Amino acid sequence: MQKITLGDPAIAEIARLVQLAILTGTDVTDQLRTLSLTVENDVLYPHPDFTEYIEGSINKLLQDAETIQAQA
């Protein structure tokens, strides 16, 4: 049986998804379902498409927050 471990970047993304779920009030499992990983030398890393997706989502949330704050 092949042993695969989580790389530090994958662990950091999991932590970020948990934080995102807390901030947005969404279910942690829904956030974790968005995570896609790639295997390199038996270590899991975030897939580049996932990294691009999550960065875009966070930037949109920040823009929405700035817009709400400006309207207040």
Protein backbone atom coordinates (compact mmCIF):
# COMPACT_ATOMS: atom_id res chain seq x y z
CA MET A 1 0.00 0.00 0.00
CA GLN A 2 1.32 3.41 -0.98
CA LYS A 3 1.86 5.98 1.77
CA ILE A 4 0.96 9.57 0.88
CA THR A 5 1.40 12.49 3.27
CA LEU A 6 0.13 16.07 3.35
CA GLY A 7 2.69 18.69 2.46
CA ASP A 8 2.88 21.90 4.46
CA PRO A 9 1.18 23.92 1.68
CA ALA A 10 -1.78 21.50 1.72
CA ILE A 11 -2.06 21.81 5.49
CA ALA A 12 -1.96 25.60 5.19
CA GLU A 13 -4.79 25.50 2.64
CA ILE A 14 -6.90 23.31 4.93
CA ALA A 15 -6.38 25.84 7.74
CA ARG A 16 -7.32 28.67 5.38
CA LEU A 17 -10.49 26.85 4.32
CA VAL A 18 -11.50 26.37 7.96
CA GLN A 19 -10.92 30.09 8.58
CA LEU A 20 -12.92 30.96 5.45
CA ALA A 21 -15.81 28.81 6.65
CA ILE A 22 -15.80 30.57 10.01
CA LEU A 23 -15.68 34.03 8.43
CA THR A 24 -18.41 33.33 5.88
CA GLY A 25 -20.63 31.17 8.07
CA THR A 26 -20.45 28.29 5.61
CA ASP A 27 -20.04 24.64 6.46
CA VAL A 28 -16.42 23.54 6.82
CA THR A 29 -17.13 20.37 4.84
CA ASP A 30 -18.43 22.44 1.92
CA GLN A 31 -15.23 24.45 1.95
CA LEU A 32 -13.06 21.33 2.16
CA ARG A 33 -14.87 19.81 -0.83
CA THR A 34 -13.42 22.59 -2.98
CA LEU A 35 -9.86 21.48 -2.21
CA SER A 36 -8.06 19.73 -5.04
CA LEU A 37 -4.63 18.24 -4.57
CA THR A 38 -1.81 16.87 -6.65
CA VAL A 39 0.74 14.20 -5.72
CA GLU A 40 4.47 14.81 -6.05
CA ASN A 41 6.89 12.25 -4.64
CA ASP A 42 4.16 10.74 -2.41
CA VAL A 43 3.31 14.16 -0.92
CA LEU A 44 0.02 15.97 -1.50
CA TYR A 45 0.13 19.63 -2.56
CA PRO A 46 -2.64 22.03 -3.54
CA HIS A 47 -3.41 21.87 -7.25
CA PRO A 48 -2.51 25.15 -9.02
CA ASP A 49 -6.13 25.50 -10.21
CA PHE A 50 -7.31 25.33 -6.61
CA THR A 51 -4.82 27.98 -5.52
CA GLU A 52 -6.03 30.28 -8.28
CA TYR A 53 -9.68 29.61 -7.36
CA ILE A 54 -9.27 30.25 -3.63
CA GLU A 55 -7.22 33.41 -4.15
CA GLY A 56 -9.96 34.73 -6.45
CA SER A 57 -12.66 33.86 -3.90
CA ILE A 58 -10.82 35.62 -1.08
CA ASN A 59 -10.17 38.70 -3.22
CA LYS A 60 -13.88 38.86 -4.11
CA LEU A 61 -14.83 38.64 -0.44
CA LEU A 62 -12.43 41.48 0.36
CA GLN A 63 -13.85 43.63 -2.44
CA ASP A 64 -17.41 42.92 -1.24
CA ALA A 65 -16.42 43.89 2.32
CA GLU A 66 -14.85 47.14 1.11
CA THR A 67 -17.98 47.96 -0.89
CA ILE A 68 -20.23 47.31 2.11
CA GLN A 69 -17.99 49.40 4.34
CA ALA A 70 -17.99 52.29 1.85
CA GLN A 71 -21.80 52.21 1.71
CA ALA A 72 -22.16 52.34 5.49
